[in-house]
Amino acid sequence: MMKQRDAKFQIGQVVRHRVFPFRGVIFDVDPEYANTEEWWNAIPAEIRPSKDQPFYHLLAENDETEYVAYVSEQNLVSDDTGAPVRHSQVNAFFDPESVGLYTPKTVQRH
């Protein structure tokens, strides 16, 4: 049985990839790998992270485009630039709060 680890980062936090040039805001966290085997096998073996760590769903961006990324905890670091994330879906999920942190929007019930 694998030991579940606590997530190092939180929903709404702005992070950047340790190796590749992109950053984003976290909108969901899986306690361990929860994507397809096909996606897993598409990662080159020499850089494939272990599955027994938190994986983060990001509204991600680089210099050219915006997209959704799925990234292992070992490949993320906190983004302390204070620059807002420009991803077009950020405002659908979050209210801007402070430097490097977005507050999830609350669901209003009628």
N, C-alpha and C. Protein backbone atom coordinates (compact mmCIF):
# COMPACT_ATOMS: atom_id res chain seq x y z
N MET A 1 0.84 -1.19 0.00
CA MET A 1 0.00 0.00 0.00
C MET A 1 0.88 1.25 0.00
N MET A 2 0.55 2.20 -0.89
CA MET A 2 1.33 3.43 -0.96
C MET A 2 0.87 4.41 0.11
N LYS A 3 1.82 5.12 0.66
CA LYS A 3 1.51 6.14 1.66
C LYS A 3 1.08 7.41 0.92
N GLN A 4 -0.08 7.94 1.27
CA GLN A 4 -0.56 9.18 0.66
C GLN A 4 0.14 10.36 1.31
N ARG A 5 0.62 11.27 0.45
CA ARG A 5 1.29 12.47 0.95
C ARG A 5 0.35 13.65 0.90
N ASP A 6 0.59 14.59 1.78
CA ASP A 6 -0.17 15.83 1.75
C ASP A 6 0.35 16.70 0.62
N ALA A 7 -0.54 17.41 -0.03
CA ALA A 7 -0.16 18.29 -1.13
C ALA A 7 0.64 19.48 -0.60
N LYS A 8 1.71 19.80 -1.30
CA LYS A 8 2.57 20.93 -0.94
C LYS A 8 1.96 22.26 -1.37
N PHE A 9 1.22 22.24 -2.47
CA PHE A 9 0.61 23.45 -3.03
C PHE A 9 -0.90 23.39 -2.85
N GLN A 10 -1.57 24.55 -2.96
CA GLN A 10 -3.01 24.60 -2.74
C GLN A 10 -3.75 25.16 -3.95
N ILE A 11 -5.03 24.88 -3.99
CA ILE A 11 -5.88 25.41 -5.05
C ILE A 11 -5.84 26.94 -4.97
N GLY A 12 -5.65 27.57 -6.13
CA GLY A 12 -5.55 29.02 -6.20
C GLY A 12 -4.12 29.54 -6.21
N GLN A 13 -3.17 28.67 -5.90
CA GLN A 13 -1.77 29.09 -5.84
C GLN A 13 -1.18 29.15 -7.25
N VAL A 14 -0.34 30.15 -7.50
CA VAL A 14 0.35 30.29 -8.78
C VAL A 14 1.70 29.59 -8.66
N VAL A 15 1.95 28.70 -9.63
CA VAL A 15 3.17 27.90 -9.64
C VAL A 15 3.79 27.94 -11.02
N ARG A 16 5.02 27.49 -11.09
CA ARG A 16 5.68 27.36 -12.40
C ARG A 16 6.34 26.00 -12.47
N HIS A 17 6.56 25.53 -13.69
CA HIS A 17 7.20 24.23 -13.89
C HIS A 17 8.70 24.38 -13.63
N ARG A 18 9.26 23.39 -12.98
CA ARG A 18 10.68 23.39 -12.62
C ARG A 18 11.58 23.34 -13.85
N VAL A 19 11.14 22.65 -14.92
CA VAL A 19 11.98 22.43 -16.10
C VAL A 19 11.48 23.20 -17.33
N PHE A 20 10.19 23.09 -17.60
CA PHE A 20 9.64 23.69 -18.82
C PHE A 20 9.13 25.11 -18.56
N PRO A 21 9.16 25.97 -19.60
CA PRO A 21 8.82 27.39 -19.40
C PRO A 21 7.32 27.68 -19.41
N PHE A 22 6.63 27.22 -18.37
CA PHE A 22 5.23 27.60 -18.23
C PHE A 22 4.88 27.76 -16.76
N ARG A 23 3.79 28.48 -16.53
CA ARG A 23 3.29 28.74 -15.18
C ARG A 23 1.78 28.66 -15.22
N GLY A 24 1.16 28.65 -14.05
CA GLY A 24 -0.29 28.60 -14.03
C GLY A 24 -0.84 28.63 -12.62
N VAL A 25 -2.18 28.62 -12.54
CA VAL A 25 -2.85 28.61 -11.25
C VAL A 25 -3.50 27.23 -11.07
N ILE A 26 -3.35 26.67 -9.87
CA ILE A 26 -3.88 25.34 -9.57
C ILE A 26 -5.40 25.42 -9.38
N PHE A 27 -6.14 24.55 -10.11
CA PHE A 27 -7.60 24.53 -9.91
C PHE A 27 -8.09 23.19 -9.38
N ASP A 28 -7.22 22.18 -9.29
CA ASP A 28 -7.60 20.90 -8.70
C ASP A 28 -6.34 20.14 -8.35
N VAL A 29 -6.47 19.20 -7.38
CA VAL A 29 -5.33 18.39 -6.93
C VAL A 29 -5.78 16.94 -6.80
N ASP A 30 -4.99 16.04 -7.35
CA ASP A 30 -5.19 14.60 -7.14
C ASP A 30 -4.13 14.14 -6.15
N PRO A 31 -4.50 13.37 -5.11
CA PRO A 31 -3.51 12.94 -4.11
C PRO A 31 -2.42 12.04 -4.69
N GLU A 32 -2.72 11.38 -5.80
CA GLU A 32 -1.72 10.62 -6.55
C GLU A 32 -2.17 10.62 -8.01
N TYR A 33 -1.32 10.10 -8.88
CA TYR A 33 -1.59 10.12 -10.32
C TYR A 33 -2.97 9.55 -10.62
N ALA A 34 -3.77 10.29 -11.42
CA ALA A 34 -5.12 9.85 -11.76
C ALA A 34 -5.47 10.15 -13.21
N ASN A 35 -4.49 10.05 -14.09
CA ASN A 35 -4.73 10.25 -15.51
C ASN A 35 -4.61 8.89 -16.20
N THR A 36 -4.66 8.88 -17.52
CA THR A 36 -4.65 7.62 -18.27
C THR A 36 -3.24 7.02 -18.38
N GLU A 37 -3.19 5.71 -18.64
CA GLU A 37 -1.90 5.05 -18.89
C GLU A 37 -1.28 5.58 -20.17
N GLU A 38 -2.12 5.90 -21.16
CA GLU A 38 -1.62 6.44 -22.42
C GLU A 38 -0.87 7.76 -22.17
N TRP A 39 -1.45 8.63 -21.36
CA TRP A 39 -0.79 9.91 -21.03
C TRP A 39 0.52 9.63 -20.30
N TRP A 40 0.48 8.71 -19.35
CA TRP A 40 1.65 8.36 -18.55
C TRP A 40 2.79 7.86 -19.45
N ASN A 41 2.46 6.95 -20.36
CA ASN A 41 3.47 6.36 -21.24
C ASN A 41 4.00 7.33 -22.28
N ALA A 42 3.30 8.44 -22.51
CA ALA A 42 3.78 9.46 -23.44
C ALA A 42 4.91 10.30 -22.85
N ILE A 43 5.09 10.22 -21.52
CA ILE A 43 6.18 10.95 -20.87
C ILE A 43 7.46 10.14 -21.07
N PRO A 44 8.52 10.76 -21.58
CA PRO A 44 9.77 10.01 -21.76
C PRO A 44 10.22 9.37 -20.43
N ALA A 45 10.59 8.10 -20.48
CA ALA A 45 10.91 7.32 -19.28
C ALA A 45 11.95 8.01 -18.40
N GLU A 46 12.92 8.68 -19.01
CA GLU A 46 14.00 9.29 -18.23
C GLU A 46 13.54 10.49 -17.40
N ILE A 47 12.38 11.05 -17.72
CA ILE A 47 11.87 12.18 -16.92
C ILE A 47 10.49 11.89 -16.32
N ARG A 48 10.02 10.65 -16.44
CA ARG A 48 8.70 10.28 -15.92
C ARG A 48 8.70 10.31 -14.40
N PRO A 49 7.82 11.10 -13.78
CA PRO A 49 7.79 11.18 -12.31
C PRO A 49 7.09 9.95 -11.72
N SER A 50 7.26 9.76 -10.43
CA SER A 50 6.58 8.66 -9.77
C SER A 50 5.10 9.00 -9.63
N LYS A 51 4.25 7.97 -9.61
CA LYS A 51 2.80 8.16 -9.54
C LYS A 51 2.31 8.42 -8.11
N ASP A 52 3.13 8.12 -7.12
CA ASP A 52 2.68 8.19 -5.72
C ASP A 52 2.98 9.55 -5.07
N GLN A 53 2.57 10.59 -5.77
CA GLN A 53 2.73 11.95 -5.26
C GLN A 53 1.54 12.76 -5.77
N PRO A 54 1.25 13.90 -5.17
CA PRO A 54 0.16 14.73 -5.69
C PRO A 54 0.43 15.19 -7.13
N PHE A 55 -0.64 15.25 -7.91
CA PHE A 55 -0.60 15.80 -9.26
C PHE A 55 -1.59 16.95 -9.31
N TYR A 56 -1.22 18.01 -10.01
CA TYR A 56 -1.99 19.25 -10.01
C TYR A 56 -2.54 19.56 -11.40
N HIS A 57 -3.77 20.04 -11.42
CA HIS A 57 -4.41 20.53 -12.64
C HIS A 57 -4.20 22.04 -12.66
N LEU A 58 -3.60 22.54 -13.73
CA LEU A 58 -3.29 23.97 -13.83
C LEU A 58 -3.98 24.63 -15.01
N LEU A 59 -4.44 25.86 -14.81
CA LEU A 59 -4.77 26.73 -15.93
C LEU A 59 -3.42 27.34 -16.28
N ALA A 60 -2.81 26.78 -17.31
CA ALA A 60 -1.40 27.08 -17.60
C ALA A 60 -1.24 28.02 -18.79
N GLU A 61 -0.06 28.65 -18.83
CA GLU A 61 0.28 29.55 -19.92
C GLU A 61 1.78 29.57 -20.13
N ASN A 62 2.16 29.79 -21.39
CA ASN A 62 3.55 30.07 -21.70
C ASN A 62 3.55 31.32 -22.58
N ASP A 63 4.66 31.62 -23.21
CA ASP A 63 4.72 32.85 -24.01
C ASP A 63 3.79 32.83 -25.22
N GLU A 64 3.43 31.62 -25.70
CA GLU A 64 2.65 31.51 -26.92
C GLU A 64 1.17 31.22 -26.72
N THR A 65 0.81 30.48 -25.66
CA THR A 65 -0.56 29.97 -25.59
C THR A 65 -1.03 29.72 -24.16
N GLU A 66 -2.29 29.37 -24.05
CA GLU A 66 -2.91 28.99 -22.77
C GLU A 66 -3.45 27.58 -22.92
N TYR A 67 -3.42 26.79 -21.86
CA TYR A 67 -3.89 25.41 -21.92
C TYR A 67 -4.08 24.88 -20.51
N VAL A 68 -4.57 23.66 -20.38
CA VAL A 68 -4.70 22.99 -19.09
C VAL A 68 -3.54 21.99 -19.00
N ALA A 69 -2.83 22.01 -17.88
CA ALA A 69 -1.70 21.10 -17.68
C ALA A 69 -1.96 20.21 -16.47
N TYR A 70 -1.33 19.04 -16.48
CA TYR A 70 -1.41 18.08 -15.38
C TYR A 70 0.03 17.79 -14.99
N VAL A 71 0.44 18.21 -13.78
CA VAL A 71 1.85 18.22 -13.43
C VAL A 71 2.09 17.60 -12.06
N SER A 72 3.15 16.80 -11.95
CA SER A 72 3.52 16.19 -10.67
C SER A 72 4.09 17.24 -9.72
N GLU A 73 3.91 16.99 -8.43
CA GLU A 73 4.40 17.94 -7.43
C GLU A 73 5.89 18.17 -7.55
N GLN A 74 6.66 17.12 -7.84
CA GLN A 74 8.13 17.27 -7.92
C GLN A 74 8.56 18.23 -9.01
N ASN A 75 7.68 18.49 -9.98
CA ASN A 75 8.04 19.37 -11.09
C ASN A 75 7.50 20.79 -10.96
N LEU A 76 6.96 21.13 -9.79
CA LEU A 76 6.43 22.47 -9.59
C LEU A 76 7.19 23.22 -8.50
N VAL A 77 7.27 24.52 -8.67
CA VAL A 77 7.79 25.43 -7.64
C VAL A 77 6.84 26.62 -7.58
N SER A 78 6.81 27.28 -6.45
CA SER A 78 5.96 28.45 -6.29
C SER A 78 6.44 29.57 -7.22
N ASP A 79 5.48 30.26 -7.83
CA ASP A 79 5.81 31.41 -8.68
C ASP A 79 5.62 32.66 -7.84
N ASP A 80 6.70 33.32 -7.52
CA ASP A 80 6.66 34.49 -6.65
C ASP A 80 6.77 35.81 -7.40
N THR A 81 6.51 35.78 -8.72
CA THR A 81 6.65 37.01 -9.52
C THR A 81 5.56 38.03 -9.20
N GLY A 82 4.39 37.55 -8.75
CA GLY A 82 3.27 38.46 -8.50
C GLY A 82 2.52 38.83 -9.76
N ALA A 83 2.97 38.34 -10.91
CA ALA A 83 2.28 38.65 -12.17
C ALA A 83 0.98 37.87 -12.25
N PRO A 84 -0.09 38.51 -12.72
CA PRO A 84 -1.36 37.79 -12.83
C PRO A 84 -1.28 36.71 -13.91
N VAL A 85 -2.08 35.67 -13.73
CA VAL A 85 -2.17 34.62 -14.75
C VAL A 85 -3.18 35.10 -15.77
N ARG A 86 -2.83 35.09 -17.04
CA ARG A 86 -3.68 35.66 -18.08
C ARG A 86 -4.63 34.64 -18.71
N HIS A 87 -4.57 33.38 -18.28
CA HIS A 87 -5.40 32.33 -18.86
C HIS A 87 -6.86 32.78 -18.92
N SER A 88 -7.52 32.55 -20.04
CA SER A 88 -8.88 33.05 -20.24
C SER A 88 -9.91 32.45 -19.28
N GLN A 89 -9.63 31.31 -18.65
CA GLN A 89 -10.59 30.68 -17.75
C GLN A 89 -10.38 31.05 -16.27
N VAL A 90 -9.36 31.82 -15.95
CA VAL A 90 -9.08 32.16 -14.56
C VAL A 90 -10.29 32.83 -13.90
N ASN A 91 -10.89 33.79 -14.58
CA ASN A 91 -12.01 34.51 -13.97
C ASN A 91 -13.26 33.65 -13.81
N ALA A 92 -13.35 32.54 -14.53
CA ALA A 92 -14.48 31.62 -14.37
C ALA A 92 -14.37 30.82 -13.08
N PHE A 93 -13.14 30.58 -12.62
CA PHE A 93 -12.89 29.75 -11.45
C PHE A 93 -12.54 30.55 -10.19
N PHE A 94 -11.90 31.71 -10.37
CA PHE A 94 -11.31 32.42 -9.24
C PHE A 94 -11.63 33.90 -9.21
N ASP A 95 -11.57 34.46 -8.00
CA ASP A 95 -11.56 35.90 -7.78
C ASP A 95 -10.13 36.26 -7.42
N PRO A 96 -9.49 37.21 -8.11
CA PRO A 96 -8.12 37.57 -7.73
C PRO A 96 -8.08 38.04 -6.28
N GLU A 97 -7.08 37.57 -5.54
CA GLU A 97 -6.99 37.93 -4.12
C GLU A 97 -5.73 38.72 -3.84
N SER A 98 -4.60 38.05 -3.80
CA SER A 98 -3.35 38.72 -3.48
C SER A 98 -2.26 38.17 -4.38
N VAL A 99 -1.05 38.63 -4.19
CA VAL A 99 0.08 38.21 -4.99
C VAL A 99 0.24 36.69 -4.91
N GLY A 100 0.15 36.03 -6.07
CA GLY A 100 0.39 34.60 -6.14
C GLY A 100 -0.72 33.70 -5.63
N LEU A 101 -1.89 34.25 -5.29
CA LEU A 101 -2.96 33.41 -4.76
C LEU A 101 -4.32 33.90 -5.25
N TYR A 102 -5.13 32.97 -5.77
CA TYR A 102 -6.48 33.27 -6.22
C TYR A 102 -7.46 32.53 -5.31
N THR A 103 -8.58 33.18 -5.01
CA THR A 103 -9.61 32.57 -4.16
C THR A 103 -10.66 31.93 -5.07
N PRO A 104 -10.95 30.63 -4.86
CA PRO A 104 -11.99 29.98 -5.69
C PRO A 104 -13.33 30.70 -5.50
N LYS A 105 -14.06 30.85 -6.61
CA LYS A 105 -15.39 31.46 -6.55
C LYS A 105 -16.32 30.51 -5.82
N THR A 106 -17.21 31.06 -5.04
CA THR A 106 -18.17 30.23 -4.33
C THR A 106 -19.40 30.04 -5.20
N VAL A 107 -20.01 28.89 -5.08
CA VAL A 107 -21.22 28.59 -5.84
C VAL A 107 -22.39 29.22 -5.10
N GLN A 108 -23.14 30.03 -5.82
CA GLN A 108 -24.30 30.67 -5.20
C GLN A 108 -25.54 29.86 -5.50
N ARG A 109 -26.25 29.50 -4.45
CA ARG A 109 -27.48 28.72 -4.60
C ARG A 109 -28.69 29.64 -4.48
N HIS A 110 -29.67 29.40 -5.32
CA HIS A 110 -30.88 30.23 -5.32
C HIS A 110 -32.04 29.48 -4.73
